[in-house]
Amino acid sequence: MTTVVRRTGLTHLDVVARLFDQYRGFYGQPSDPALARDFIRERMERDESVILLAWVDDAAVGFTQLYPAFSSVSASRVWILNDLLVLPEARRKGVARALLSAAADFARADGALRLELETDPDNATAHALYRAMGWVPYDGTLRFRLPL
């Protein structure tokens, strides 16, 4: 199984919207495909986020969405890795690792100072993956950052 991660846009709006609806469901939100599609479409049209899609063969199996932020103290861009989903059938196969690596590559190429994310306190699997990939907790919170 080879995972390919690519930045995406309106061409794959329906694919991303479907994954985004599932992502929201993971966090207890009711399924609302129209809301998911509208939200993602607005982010894409306004160039307010970067969405990376993970593909295995011809199937989209996961995504991550990054939002821009800035560090005033460092006078630098920071990217917030806000959303990350891997479909259940693709988990434990390196897809999350591929998405995180692609996000880091994108942020580095963009000249960002770092990536940041926040995760649930009981998500030990994610915590272990983030640490294994060089992310470190900071500020005494469950937020992580990856120095670039």
C-alpha atoms as a PDB file:
ATOM      1  CA  MET A   1       0.000   0.000   0.000  1.00  0.00           C
ATOM      2  CA  THR A   2       1.542   3.269  -1.128  1.00  0.00           C
ATOM      3  CA  THR A   3       0.147   6.496   0.248  1.00  0.00           C
ATOM      4  CA  VAL A   4       0.398   9.625  -1.877  1.00  0.00           C
ATOM      5  CA  VAL A   5      -0.383  12.986  -0.270  1.00  0.00           C
ATOM      6  CA  ARG A   6      -1.210  16.004  -2.400  1.00  0.00           C
ATOM      7  CA  ARG A   7      -2.514  19.484  -1.749  1.00  0.00           C
ATOM      8  CA  THR A   8      -6.028  19.778  -3.092  1.00  0.00           C
ATOM      9  CA  GLY A   9      -8.525  22.390  -4.160  1.00  0.00           C
ATOM     10  CA  LEU A  10     -12.003  22.771  -5.574  1.00  0.00           C
ATOM     11  CA  THR A  11     -11.442  19.881  -7.991  1.00  0.00           C
ATOM     12  CA  HIS A  12     -11.810  17.496  -5.055  1.00  0.00           C
ATOM     13  CA  LEU A  13     -14.353  19.516  -3.063  1.00  0.00           C
ATOM     14  CA  ASP A  14     -16.858  16.658  -2.777  1.00  0.00           C
ATOM     15  CA  VAL A  15     -14.165  14.189  -1.686  1.00  0.00           C
ATOM     16  CA  VAL A  16     -12.873  16.528   1.022  1.00  0.00           C
ATOM     17  CA  ALA A  17     -16.391  17.467   2.142  1.00  0.00           C
ATOM     18  CA  ARG A  18     -17.276  13.799   2.642  1.00  0.00           C
ATOM     19  CA  LEU A  19     -14.139  13.234   4.735  1.00  0.00           C
ATOM     20  CA  PHE A  20     -14.725  16.470   6.649  1.00  0.00           C
ATOM     21  CA  ASP A  21     -18.270  15.367   7.518  1.00  0.00           C
ATOM     22  CA  GLN A  22     -16.844  12.119   8.909  1.00  0.00           C
ATOM     23  CA  TYR A  23     -14.212  14.084  10.834  1.00  0.00           C
ATOM     24  CA  ARG A  24     -16.928  16.190  12.462  1.00  0.00           C
ATOM     25  CA  GLY A  25     -18.842  12.996  13.285  1.00  0.00           C
ATOM     26  CA  PHE A  26     -15.787  11.631  15.083  1.00  0.00           C
ATOM     27  CA  TYR A  27     -16.085  14.629  17.410  1.00  0.00           C
ATOM     28  CA  GLY A  28     -19.770  14.029  18.086  1.00  0.00           C
ATOM     29  CA  GLN A  29     -21.303  16.368  15.534  1.00  0.00           C
ATOM     30  CA  PRO A  30     -24.335  15.164  13.571  1.00  0.00           C
ATOM     31  CA  SER A  31     -23.737  14.366   9.924  1.00  0.00           C
ATOM     32  CA  ASP A  32     -24.499  17.377   7.762  1.00  0.00           C
ATOM     33  CA  PRO A  33     -23.045  16.928   4.273  1.00  0.00           C
ATOM     34  CA  ALA A  34     -24.310  20.325   3.063  1.00  0.00           C
ATOM     35  CA  LEU A  35     -22.726  22.163   5.983  1.00  0.00           C
ATOM     36  CA  ALA A  36     -19.465  20.251   5.502  1.00  0.00           C
ATOM     37  CA  ARG A  37     -19.398  21.052   1.787  1.00  0.00           C
ATOM     38  CA  ASP A  38     -20.209  24.748   2.326  1.00  0.00           C
ATOM     39  CA  PHE A  39     -17.562  25.113   5.036  1.00  0.00           C
ATOM     40  CA  ILE A  40     -14.830  23.456   2.983  1.00  0.00           C
ATOM     41  CA  ARG A  41     -15.836  25.333  -0.188  1.00  0.00           C
ATOM     42  CA  GLU A  42     -15.571  28.668   1.654  1.00  0.00           C
ATOM     43  CA  ARG A  43     -12.126  27.812   3.003  1.00  0.00           C
ATOM     44  CA  MET A  44     -10.968  26.867  -0.494  1.00  0.00           C
ATOM     45  CA  GLU A  45     -12.516  29.814  -2.313  1.00  0.00           C
ATOM     46  CA  ARG A  46     -11.194  32.314   0.221  1.00  0.00           C
ATOM     47  CA  ASP A  47      -7.774  30.616   0.340  1.00  0.00           C
ATOM     48  CA  GLU A  48      -8.157  30.396   4.126  1.00  0.00           C
ATOM     49  CA  SER A  49      -6.722  26.925   4.585  1.00  0.00           C
ATOM     50  CA  VAL A  50      -4.495  24.333   2.990  1.00  0.00           C
ATOM     51  CA  ILE A  51      -5.970  20.873   2.598  1.00  0.00           C
ATOM     52  CA  LEU A  52      -3.805  17.834   1.977  1.00  0.00           C
ATOM     53  CA  LEU A  53      -5.468  14.627   0.781  1.00  0.00           C
ATOM     54  CA  ALA A  54      -4.012  11.157   1.289  1.00  0.00           C
ATOM     55  CA  TRP A  55      -4.655   8.723  -1.551  1.00  0.00           C
ATOM     56  CA  VAL A  56      -4.153   4.982  -1.751  1.00  0.00           C
ATOM     57  CA  ASP A  57      -4.633   3.838  -5.327  1.00  0.00           C
ATOM     58  CA  ASP A  58      -7.610   5.927  -6.467  1.00  0.00           C
ATOM     59  CA  ALA A  59      -9.253   6.251  -3.057  1.00  0.00           C
ATOM     60  CA  ALA A  60      -8.981   9.234  -0.728  1.00  0.00           C
ATOM     61  CA  VAL A  61      -8.327   7.722   2.710  1.00  0.00           C
ATOM     62  CA  GLY A  62      -7.556  10.777   4.830  1.00  0.00           C
ATOM     63  CA  PHE A  63      -6.918  14.481   4.981  1.00  0.00           C
ATOM     64  CA  THR A  64      -5.446  17.230   7.054  1.00  0.00           C
ATOM     65  CA  GLN A  65      -6.400  20.897   7.064  1.00  0.00           C
ATOM     66  CA  LEU A  66      -3.942  23.624   7.990  1.00  0.00           C
ATOM     67  CA  TYR A  67      -4.825  27.181   8.950  1.00  0.00           C
ATOM     68  CA  PRO A  68      -2.374  30.086   8.822  1.00  0.00           C
ATOM     69  CA  ALA A  69      -1.431  31.998  11.942  1.00  0.00           C
ATOM     70  CA  PHE A  70       1.424  34.280  12.877  1.00  0.00           C
ATOM     71  CA  SER A  71       3.857  34.715  15.734  1.00  0.00           C
ATOM     72  CA  SER A  72       4.170  38.435  16.408  1.00  0.00           C
ATOM     73  CA  VAL A  73       7.158  37.947  18.694  1.00  0.00           C
ATOM     74  CA  SER A  74       9.049  36.007  16.013  1.00  0.00           C
ATOM     75  CA  ALA A  75       7.475  37.978  13.150  1.00  0.00           C
ATOM     76  CA  SER A  76       6.906  34.636  11.413  1.00  0.00           C
ATOM     77  CA  ARG A  77       4.156  32.491   9.974  1.00  0.00           C
ATOM     78  CA  VAL A  78       2.870  29.525  11.952  1.00  0.00           C
ATOM     79  CA  TRP A  79       0.540  26.849  10.573  1.00  0.00           C
ATOM     80  CA  ILE A  80      -2.146  25.287  12.762  1.00  0.00           C
ATOM     81  CA  LEU A  81      -2.774  21.650  11.930  1.00  0.00           C
ATOM     82  CA  ASN A  82      -6.436  21.809  12.861  1.00  0.00           C
ATOM     83  CA  ASP A  83      -7.998  18.705  11.315  1.00  0.00           C
ATOM     84  CA  LEU A  84      -6.614  15.233  10.709  1.00  0.00           C
ATOM     85  CA  LEU A  85      -8.648  12.197   9.711  1.00  0.00           C
ATOM     86  CA  VAL A  86      -7.693   8.759   8.469  1.00  0.00           C
ATOM     87  CA  LEU A  87     -10.546   6.462   7.508  1.00  0.00           C
ATOM     88  CA  PRO A  88     -10.825   3.409   9.789  1.00  0.00           C
ATOM     89  CA  GLU A  89      -9.899   0.954   7.027  1.00  0.00           C
ATOM     90  CA  ALA A  90      -6.654   2.860   6.354  1.00  0.00           C
ATOM     91  CA  ARG A  91      -5.489   3.259   9.952  1.00  0.00           C
ATOM     92  CA  ARG A  92      -2.258   1.700  11.187  1.00  0.00           C
ATOM     93  CA  LYS A  93      -0.871   1.756   7.648  1.00  0.00           C
ATOM     94  CA  GLY A  94       1.235   4.917   7.740  1.00  0.00           C
ATOM     95  CA  VAL A  95      -1.393   7.302   6.370  1.00  0.00           C
ATOM     96  CA  ALA A  96      -1.374   9.644   9.385  1.00  0.00           C
ATOM     97  CA  ARG A  97       2.424   9.677   9.321  1.00  0.00           C
ATOM     98  CA  ALA A  98       2.350  10.533   5.593  1.00  0.00           C
ATOM     99  CA  LEU A  99      -0.135  13.373   6.189  1.00  0.00           C
ATOM    100  CA  LEU A 100       1.930  14.779   9.077  1.00  0.00           C
ATOM    101  CA  SER A 101       5.120  14.590   7.013  1.00  0.00           C
ATOM    102  CA  ALA A 102       3.453  16.317   4.071  1.00  0.00           C
ATOM    103  CA  ALA A 103       2.136  19.046   6.386  1.00  0.00           C
ATOM    104  CA  ALA A 104       5.638  19.610   7.769  1.00  0.00           C
ATOM    105  CA  ASP A 105       7.107  19.688   4.251  1.00  0.00           C
ATOM    106  CA  PHE A 106       4.495  22.221   3.162  1.00  0.00           C
ATOM    107  CA  ALA A 107       5.085  24.461   6.195  1.00  0.00           C
ATOM    108  CA  ARG A 108       8.867  24.329   5.769  1.00  0.00           C
ATOM    109  CA  ALA A 109       8.578  25.216   2.088  1.00  0.00           C
ATOM    110  CA  ASP A 110       6.309  28.111   3.072  1.00  0.00           C
ATOM    111  CA  GLY A 111       8.995  29.428   5.432  1.00  0.00           C
ATOM    112  CA  ALA A 112       6.940  28.833   8.573  1.00  0.00           C
ATOM    113  CA  LEU A 113       8.485  28.890  12.025  1.00  0.00           C
ATOM    114  CA  ARG A 114       6.501  25.860  13.224  1.00  0.00           C
ATOM    115  CA  LEU A 115       3.381  23.746  13.060  1.00  0.00           C
ATOM    116  CA  GLU A 116       1.017  23.556  16.026  1.00  0.00           C
ATOM    117  CA  LEU A 117      -1.817  21.228  16.910  1.00  0.00           C
ATOM    118  CA  GLU A 118      -4.056  20.385  19.807  1.00  0.00           C
ATOM    119  CA  THR A 119      -5.420  16.943  20.599  1.00  0.00           C
ATOM    120  CA  ASP A 120      -7.686  15.254  23.110  1.00  0.00           C
ATOM    121  CA  PRO A 121      -6.034  14.323  26.404  1.00  0.00           C
ATOM    122  CA  ASP A 122      -7.054  10.669  26.109  1.00  0.00           C
ATOM    123  CA  ASN A 123      -5.763  10.112  22.562  1.00  0.00           C
ATOM    124  CA  ALA A 124      -2.632   8.199  23.583  1.00  0.00           C
ATOM    125  CA  THR A 125      -2.150   6.751  20.098  1.00  0.00           C
ATOM    126  CA  ALA A 126      -1.962  10.211  18.543  1.00  0.00           C
ATOM    127  CA  HIS A 127       0.304  11.486  21.339  1.00  0.00           C
ATOM    128  CA  ALA A 128       2.746   8.632  20.677  1.00  0.00           C
ATOM    129  CA  LEU A 129       2.755   9.298  16.927  1.00  0.00           C
ATOM    130  CA  TYR A 130       3.322  13.038  17.371  1.00  0.00           C
ATOM    131  CA  ARG A 131       6.210  12.463  19.765  1.00  0.00           C
ATOM    132  CA  ALA A 132       7.740   9.834  17.480  1.00  0.00           C
ATOM    133  CA  MET A 133       7.688  12.389  14.646  1.00  0.00           C
ATOM    134  CA  GLY A 134       9.422  15.111  16.652  1.00  0.00           C
ATOM    135  CA  TRP A 135       6.437  17.049  18.002  1.00  0.00           C
ATOM    136  CA  VAL A 136       6.873  18.226  21.576  1.00  0.00           C
ATOM    137  CA  PRO A 137       4.313  19.334  24.171  1.00  0.00           C
ATOM    138  CA  TYR A 138       4.583  22.929  25.290  1.00  0.00           C
ATOM    139  CA  ASP A 139       3.124  25.458  27.701  1.00  0.00           C
ATOM    140  CA  GLY A 140       2.048  22.727  30.140  1.00  0.00           C
ATOM    141  CA  THR A 141      -0.915  21.919  27.845  1.00  0.00           C
ATOM    142  CA  LEU A 142      -1.845  19.068  25.572  1.00  0.00           C
ATOM    143  CA  ARG A 143      -0.931  21.203  22.608  1.00  0.00           C
ATOM    144  CA  PHE A 144       2.076  20.136  20.548  1.00  0.00           C
ATOM    145  CA  ARG A 145       4.374  21.960  18.197  1.00  0.00           C
ATOM    146  CA  LEU A 146       6.869  20.784  15.638  1.00  0.00           C
ATOM    147  CA  PRO A 147       9.818  23.180  15.387  1.00  0.00           C
ATOM    148  CA  LEU A 148      10.721  23.741  11.746  1.00  0.00           C
END
